[in-house]
Amino acid sequence: MTILIKKLIDSLFVKNDPSPLPGFSPAKYIQNNGSFFLQNIFHEKEPGRIVNQFGNVLQVFTTNEFTTGTTPPTHKRGINSAELIKEKSRWFIMSFTRNEAGKEQPITPSYLNK
């Protein structure tokens, strides 16, 4: 059942998706961003995490912030959302989304570990 759902999601949202948010592979990420990480310092930390699980479905909100060693330095915060499904004793990532924080959309204390 899980494999059928993943195949359906892949066919609907990756191959035929005309939206400006197409999926990409780890190899494509490295191709697009590898040189940046080789030339710049990158420091990341996770000040908060919320995990919800129901059976074989897991959803994680992870608050993160990072700083780059560029000139001038870049500092950003945001929340990553990962959805996973367990199949045959292994967790598979079904989706991963990032939403940047900012003045109009700050990270509220409920997403930060106390």
Protein backbone atom coordinates (compact mmCIF):
# COMPACT_ATOMS: atom_id res chain seq x y z
CA MET A 1 0.00 0.00 0.00
CA THR A 2 2.74 2.48 0.97
CA ILE A 3 4.67 1.85 -2.25
CA LEU A 4 1.53 2.49 -4.31
CA ILE A 5 0.95 5.78 -2.50
CA LYS A 6 4.56 6.87 -3.08
CA LYS A 7 4.33 5.98 -6.78
CA LEU A 8 1.11 7.98 -7.05
CA ILE A 9 2.68 10.98 -5.29
CA ASP A 10 5.77 10.76 -7.52
CA SER A 11 3.70 10.61 -10.68
CA LEU A 12 1.39 13.46 -9.69
CA PHE A 13 3.75 15.88 -8.01
CA VAL A 14 7.21 15.30 -9.49
CA LYS A 15 6.99 14.15 -13.10
CA ASN A 16 3.91 16.12 -14.17
CA ASP A 17 4.22 19.10 -11.85
CA PRO A 18 4.34 22.39 -13.77
CA SER A 19 4.73 24.39 -10.53
CA PRO A 20 7.87 26.41 -9.79
CA LEU A 21 8.69 23.98 -6.93
CA PRO A 22 9.85 20.78 -8.63
CA GLY A 23 11.48 17.96 -6.71
CA PHE A 24 15.20 17.39 -6.94
CA SER A 25 17.65 14.66 -6.07
CA PRO A 26 20.62 14.82 -3.67
CA ALA A 27 22.90 14.73 -6.73
CA LYS A 28 21.11 17.77 -8.21
CA TYR A 29 21.43 19.62 -4.89
CA ILE A 30 25.18 18.95 -4.84
CA GLN A 31 25.47 20.04 -8.47
CA ASN A 32 23.65 23.32 -7.73
CA ASN A 33 25.20 24.12 -4.32
CA GLY A 34 28.41 22.14 -3.87
CA SER A 35 30.79 24.89 -4.94
CA PHE A 36 29.21 27.33 -2.45
CA PHE A 37 29.86 24.98 0.47
CA LEU A 38 33.44 24.35 -0.67
CA GLN A 39 34.17 28.10 -0.74
CA ASN A 40 32.21 29.37 2.30
CA ILE A 41 31.91 28.57 5.98
CA PHE A 42 28.47 27.25 6.92
CA HIS A 43 27.30 26.87 10.52
CA GLU A 44 23.88 25.46 11.35
CA LYS A 45 22.08 24.75 14.61
CA GLU A 46 18.68 23.38 15.60
CA PRO A 47 17.04 25.34 18.44
CA GLY A 48 13.80 23.36 18.30
CA ARG A 49 12.11 20.17 17.13
CA ILE A 50 8.55 18.86 17.31
CA VAL A 51 7.88 15.21 16.41
CA ASN A 52 4.45 13.66 15.90
CA GLN A 53 3.97 9.99 15.11
CA PHE A 54 0.90 7.92 14.40
CA GLY A 55 1.67 4.30 13.57
CA ASN A 56 3.96 4.22 10.55
CA VAL A 57 3.61 7.93 9.78
CA LEU A 58 6.00 10.50 11.27
CA GLN A 59 5.96 14.28 10.91
CA VAL A 60 8.84 16.48 12.12
CA PHE A 61 8.99 20.28 12.41
CA THR A 62 12.61 21.25 12.96
CA THR A 63 13.53 24.86 13.60
CA ASN A 64 16.95 25.74 12.28
CA GLU A 65 19.16 28.74 11.86
CA PHE A 66 22.32 29.09 9.86
CA THR A 67 25.10 31.55 9.23
CA THR A 68 27.38 31.62 6.23
CA GLY A 69 30.89 33.03 6.04
CA THR A 70 30.07 35.18 3.03
CA THR A 71 30.76 38.93 2.91
CA PRO A 72 28.57 40.21 4.40
CA PRO A 73 27.62 37.15 6.51
CA THR A 74 24.17 35.70 5.89
CA HIS A 75 22.02 34.69 8.87
CA LYS A 76 18.68 32.98 8.30
CA ARG A 77 16.10 31.11 10.36
CA GLY A 78 13.31 28.86 9.28
CA ILE A 79 11.33 25.72 9.89
CA ASN A 80 11.83 22.48 8.00
CA SER A 81 8.95 20.04 7.76
CA ALA A 82 9.69 16.40 7.00
CA GLU A 83 7.11 13.68 6.49
CA LEU A 84 8.27 10.09 6.77
CA ILE A 85 6.66 6.69 6.44
CA LYS A 86 7.89 3.38 7.88
CA GLU A 87 8.02 0.43 5.54
CA LYS A 88 9.63 -2.91 6.43
CA SER A 89 11.40 -1.53 9.55
CA ARG A 90 12.89 1.45 7.68
CA TRP A 91 11.86 5.12 7.56
CA PHE A 92 11.49 6.75 4.13
CA ILE A 93 11.27 10.50 3.59
CA MET A 94 8.10 11.26 1.63
CA SER A 95 8.50 15.04 1.56
CA PHE A 96 10.73 17.78 2.89
CA THR A 97 9.78 21.45 2.87
CA ARG A 98 11.46 24.60 4.21
CA ASN A 99 9.77 27.86 5.13
CA GLU A 100 11.99 30.87 5.86
CA ALA A 101 11.25 33.07 8.87
CA GLY A 102 11.31 36.84 8.66
CA LYS A 103 9.83 40.05 10.04
CA GLU A 104 6.38 39.24 8.66
CA GLN A 105 6.62 35.60 9.74
CA PRO A 106 8.76 35.21 12.88
CA ILE A 107 9.34 31.88 14.59
CA THR A 108 7.07 31.71 17.63
CA PRO A 109 8.30 30.35 21.00
CA SER A 110 6.22 27.20 20.54
CA TYR A 111 8.73 26.04 17.88
CA LEU A 112 11.77 26.59 20.12
CA ASN A 113 12.94 24.13 22.78
CA LYS A 114 12.79 25.71 26.20
